Amino acid sequence: MHSDPLASFNPRVRDWFARSFERPTEAQAQAWPAIARGENVLVSAPTGSGKTLAAFLWGLDRLAAHPLAEGERKTRLVYVSPLKALSYDVEDAAKNGSEDTKQKARDLENEIERELNARK
């Protein structure tokens, strides 16, 4: 049994996840604590097991938790898709994903925006 794999995320991201998903997948539950500890992590799991979210959500959380000063612009997160086909899948999902997926993304974007505005 894992301790709470979402414990290291900021509260808004944890709340968004709880509203959007029943629970973390096994891949996510194993990856997030290790990523939070700063370990190098390789997630190998079947398609549909939440690998992309396991890798990418932590980066988004860190961006929300540590916003840039107003007017400052710099690259802070680069996500490299491991396979060319996956990059097309991610792009297609972003452009043509289900309404549920699009709504989850909008909800997370709104949560992050509220967090950033609250810090001003």
C-alpha atoms as a PDB file:
ATOM      1  CA  MET A   1       0.000   0.000   0.000  1.00  0.00           C
ATOM      2  CA  HIS A   2       1.335   3.426  -0.974  1.00  0.00           C
ATOM      3  CA  SER A   3       1.146   6.473   1.219  1.00  0.00           C
ATOM      4  CA  ASP A   4      -0.825   9.240  -0.477  1.00  0.00           C
ATOM      5  CA  PRO A   5       0.888   9.664  -3.874  1.00  0.00           C
ATOM      6  CA  LEU A   6      -0.717  13.104  -4.196  1.00  0.00           C
ATOM      7  CA  ALA A   7       0.689  14.390  -0.894  1.00  0.00           C
ATOM      8  CA  SER A   8       3.474  16.417  -2.535  1.00  0.00           C
ATOM      9  CA  PHE A   9       1.186  18.253  -4.960  1.00  0.00           C
ATOM     10  CA  ASN A  10      -0.157  21.679  -4.119  1.00  0.00           C
ATOM     11  CA  PRO A  11      -3.731  21.621  -2.761  1.00  0.00           C
ATOM     12  CA  ARG A  12      -5.360  22.980  -5.922  1.00  0.00           C
ATOM     13  CA  VAL A  13      -3.810  20.276  -8.090  1.00  0.00           C
ATOM     14  CA  ARG A  14      -4.739  17.583  -5.534  1.00  0.00           C
ATOM     15  CA  ASP A  15      -8.327  18.865  -5.466  1.00  0.00           C
ATOM     16  CA  TRP A  16      -8.492  18.989  -9.270  1.00  0.00           C
ATOM     17  CA  PHE A  17      -7.202  15.422  -9.476  1.00  0.00           C
ATOM     18  CA  ALA A  18      -9.709  14.180  -6.886  1.00  0.00           C
ATOM     19  CA  ARG A  19     -12.577  15.766  -8.831  1.00  0.00           C
ATOM     20  CA  SER A  20     -11.314  14.457 -12.174  1.00  0.00           C
ATOM     21  CA  PHE A  21     -10.233  10.889 -11.405  1.00  0.00           C
ATOM     22  CA  GLU A  22     -11.273   8.143  -9.023  1.00  0.00           C
ATOM     23  CA  ARG A  23      -7.690   7.462  -7.921  1.00  0.00           C
ATOM     24  CA  PRO A  24      -4.135   7.478  -9.279  1.00  0.00           C
ATOM     25  CA  THR A  25      -3.168   4.580 -11.482  1.00  0.00           C
ATOM     26  CA  GLU A  26      -0.482   2.220 -10.229  1.00  0.00           C
ATOM     27  CA  ALA A  27       2.057   3.920 -12.528  1.00  0.00           C
ATOM     28  CA  GLN A  28       1.172   7.319 -11.059  1.00  0.00           C
ATOM     29  CA  ALA A  29       1.111   6.066  -7.465  1.00  0.00           C
ATOM     30  CA  GLN A  30       4.635   4.704  -7.867  1.00  0.00           C
ATOM     31  CA  ALA A  31       6.071   7.564  -9.927  1.00  0.00           C
ATOM     32  CA  TRP A  32       4.863  10.691  -8.103  1.00  0.00           C
ATOM     33  CA  PRO A  33       6.546  10.101  -4.723  1.00  0.00           C
ATOM     34  CA  ALA A  34       9.840   9.243  -6.442  1.00  0.00           C
ATOM     35  CA  ILE A  35       9.591  12.300  -8.714  1.00  0.00           C
ATOM     36  CA  ALA A  36       8.817  14.481  -5.669  1.00  0.00           C
ATOM     37  CA  ARG A  37      11.985  13.168  -3.981  1.00  0.00           C
ATOM     38  CA  GLY A  38      13.993  14.280  -7.032  1.00  0.00           C
ATOM     39  CA  GLU A  39      14.778  10.764  -8.203  1.00  0.00           C
ATOM     40  CA  ASN A  40      15.244   9.888 -11.844  1.00  0.00           C
ATOM     41  CA  VAL A  41      12.157   7.965 -12.880  1.00  0.00           C
ATOM     42  CA  LEU A  42      11.416   5.726 -15.835  1.00  0.00           C
ATOM     43  CA  VAL A  43       7.763   4.733 -16.072  1.00  0.00           C
ATOM     44  CA  SER A  44       7.163   1.607 -18.101  1.00  0.00           C
ATOM     45  CA  ALA A  45       3.529   0.537 -18.230  1.00  0.00           C
ATOM     46  CA  PRO A  46       0.843  -0.386 -20.759  1.00  0.00           C
ATOM     47  CA  THR A  47      -0.898   2.164 -22.948  1.00  0.00           C
ATOM     48  CA  GLY A  48      -3.664   3.920 -21.037  1.00  0.00           C
ATOM     49  CA  SER A  49      -2.044   3.472 -17.633  1.00  0.00           C
ATOM     50  CA  GLY A  50      -1.516   7.170 -16.971  1.00  0.00           C
ATOM     51  CA  LYS A  51       2.172   7.462 -17.823  1.00  0.00           C
ATOM     52  CA  THR A  52       1.874  10.850 -19.518  1.00  0.00           C
ATOM     53  CA  LEU A  53      -0.031  12.365 -16.606  1.00  0.00           C
ATOM     54  CA  ALA A  54       2.438  10.719 -14.211  1.00  0.00           C
ATOM     55  CA  ALA A  55       5.285  12.561 -15.908  1.00  0.00           C
ATOM     56  CA  PHE A  56       3.640  15.841 -16.819  1.00  0.00           C
ATOM     57  CA  LEU A  57       1.383  16.698 -13.861  1.00  0.00           C
ATOM     58  CA  TRP A  58       4.307  17.102 -11.477  1.00  0.00           C
ATOM     59  CA  GLY A  59       5.881  19.668 -13.795  1.00  0.00           C
ATOM     60  CA  LEU A  60       2.623  21.601 -14.088  1.00  0.00           C
ATOM     61  CA  ASP A  61       2.228  21.493 -10.320  1.00  0.00           C
ATOM     62  CA  ARG A  62       5.703  22.943  -9.801  1.00  0.00           C
ATOM     63  CA  LEU A  63       4.956  25.743 -12.269  1.00  0.00           C
ATOM     64  CA  ALA A  64       1.806  26.618 -10.328  1.00  0.00           C
ATOM     65  CA  ALA A  65       3.554  26.350  -6.963  1.00  0.00           C
ATOM     66  CA  HIS A  66       6.456  28.589  -8.023  1.00  0.00           C
ATOM     67  CA  PRO A  67       5.194  31.210 -10.495  1.00  0.00           C
ATOM     68  CA  LEU A  68       7.542  33.607 -12.226  1.00  0.00           C
ATOM     69  CA  ALA A  69       7.606  37.221 -11.197  1.00  0.00           C
ATOM     70  CA  GLU A  70       5.250  39.397 -13.198  1.00  0.00           C
ATOM     71  CA  GLY A  71       6.711  40.199 -16.600  1.00  0.00           C
ATOM     72  CA  GLU A  72       9.418  37.529 -16.327  1.00  0.00           C
ATOM     73  CA  ARG A  73       9.483  35.034 -19.179  1.00  0.00           C
ATOM     74  CA  LYS A  74      11.670  31.964 -19.483  1.00  0.00           C
ATOM     75  CA  THR A  75      11.403  28.304 -20.320  1.00  0.00           C
ATOM     76  CA  ARG A  76      10.841  26.320 -17.157  1.00  0.00           C
ATOM     77  CA  LEU A  77       9.422  23.032 -18.352  1.00  0.00           C
ATOM     78  CA  VAL A  78      10.202  20.925 -21.375  1.00  0.00           C
ATOM     79  CA  TYR A  79       8.337  17.679 -21.877  1.00  0.00           C
ATOM     80  CA  VAL A  80       9.871  15.362 -24.442  1.00  0.00           C
ATOM     81  CA  SER A  81       7.521  12.721 -25.750  1.00  0.00           C
ATOM     82  CA  PRO A  82       9.300   9.368 -25.876  1.00  0.00           C
ATOM     83  CA  LEU A  83       7.799   8.310 -29.186  1.00  0.00           C
ATOM     84  CA  LYS A  84       6.884  10.218 -32.293  1.00  0.00           C
ATOM     85  CA  ALA A  85       3.523   8.441 -32.419  1.00  0.00           C
ATOM     86  CA  LEU A  86       2.802   9.436 -28.833  1.00  0.00           C
ATOM     87  CA  SER A  87       3.496  13.074 -29.629  1.00  0.00           C
ATOM     88  CA  TYR A  88       0.857  12.869 -32.350  1.00  0.00           C
ATOM     89  CA  ASP A  89      -1.547  11.198 -29.914  1.00  0.00           C
ATOM     90  CA  VAL A  90      -0.981  13.930 -27.338  1.00  0.00           C
ATOM     91  CA  GLU A  91      -1.418  16.660 -29.946  1.00  0.00           C
ATOM     92  CA  ASP A  92      -4.583  15.006 -31.257  1.00  0.00           C
ATOM     93  CA  ALA A  93      -5.983  14.631 -27.745  1.00  0.00           C
ATOM     94  CA  ALA A  94      -5.254  18.294 -27.046  1.00  0.00           C
ATOM     95  CA  LYS A  95      -6.939  19.413 -30.249  1.00  0.00           C
ATOM     96  CA  ASN A  96      -9.711  16.859 -30.590  1.00  0.00           C
ATOM     97  CA  GLY A  97     -10.019  15.216 -27.181  1.00  0.00           C
ATOM     98  CA  SER A  98     -13.275  14.275 -25.586  1.00  0.00           C
ATOM     99  CA  GLU A  99     -15.294  17.026 -23.966  1.00  0.00           C
ATOM    100  CA  ASP A 100     -14.575  15.403 -20.591  1.00  0.00           C
ATOM    101  CA  THR A 101     -10.822  15.603 -21.190  1.00  0.00           C
ATOM    102  CA  LYS A 102     -11.100  19.166 -22.446  1.00  0.00           C
ATOM    103  CA  GLN A 103     -13.134  20.140 -19.379  1.00  0.00           C
ATOM    104  CA  LYS A 104     -10.587  18.540 -17.039  1.00  0.00           C
ATOM    105  CA  ALA A 105      -7.827  20.533 -18.749  1.00  0.00           C
ATOM    106  CA  ARG A 106      -9.858  23.765 -18.500  1.00  0.00           C
ATOM    107  CA  ASP A 107     -10.566  23.072 -14.816  1.00  0.00           C
ATOM    108  CA  LEU A 108      -6.862  22.590 -14.081  1.00  0.00           C
ATOM    109  CA  GLU A 109      -5.980  25.720 -16.047  1.00  0.00           C
ATOM    110  CA  ASN A 110      -8.548  27.702 -14.043  1.00  0.00           C
ATOM    111  CA  GLU A 111      -7.232  26.314 -10.739  1.00  0.00           C
ATOM    112  CA  ILE A 112      -3.677  27.312 -11.642  1.00  0.00           C
ATOM    113  CA  GLU A 113      -4.810  30.767 -12.761  1.00  0.00           C
ATOM    114  CA  ARG A 114      -6.674  31.296  -9.465  1.00  0.00           C
ATOM    115  CA  GLU A 115      -3.566  30.199  -7.563  1.00  0.00           C
ATOM    116  CA  LEU A 116      -1.389  32.659  -9.467  1.00  0.00           C
ATOM    117  CA  ASN A 117      -3.880  35.502  -9.023  1.00  0.00           C
ATOM    118  CA  ALA A 118      -4.119  34.800  -5.281  1.00  0.00           C
ATOM    119  CA  ARG A 119      -0.350  35.377  -4.995  1.00  0.00           C
ATOM    120  CA  LYS A 120      -0.498  38.842  -6.548  1.00  0.00           C
END
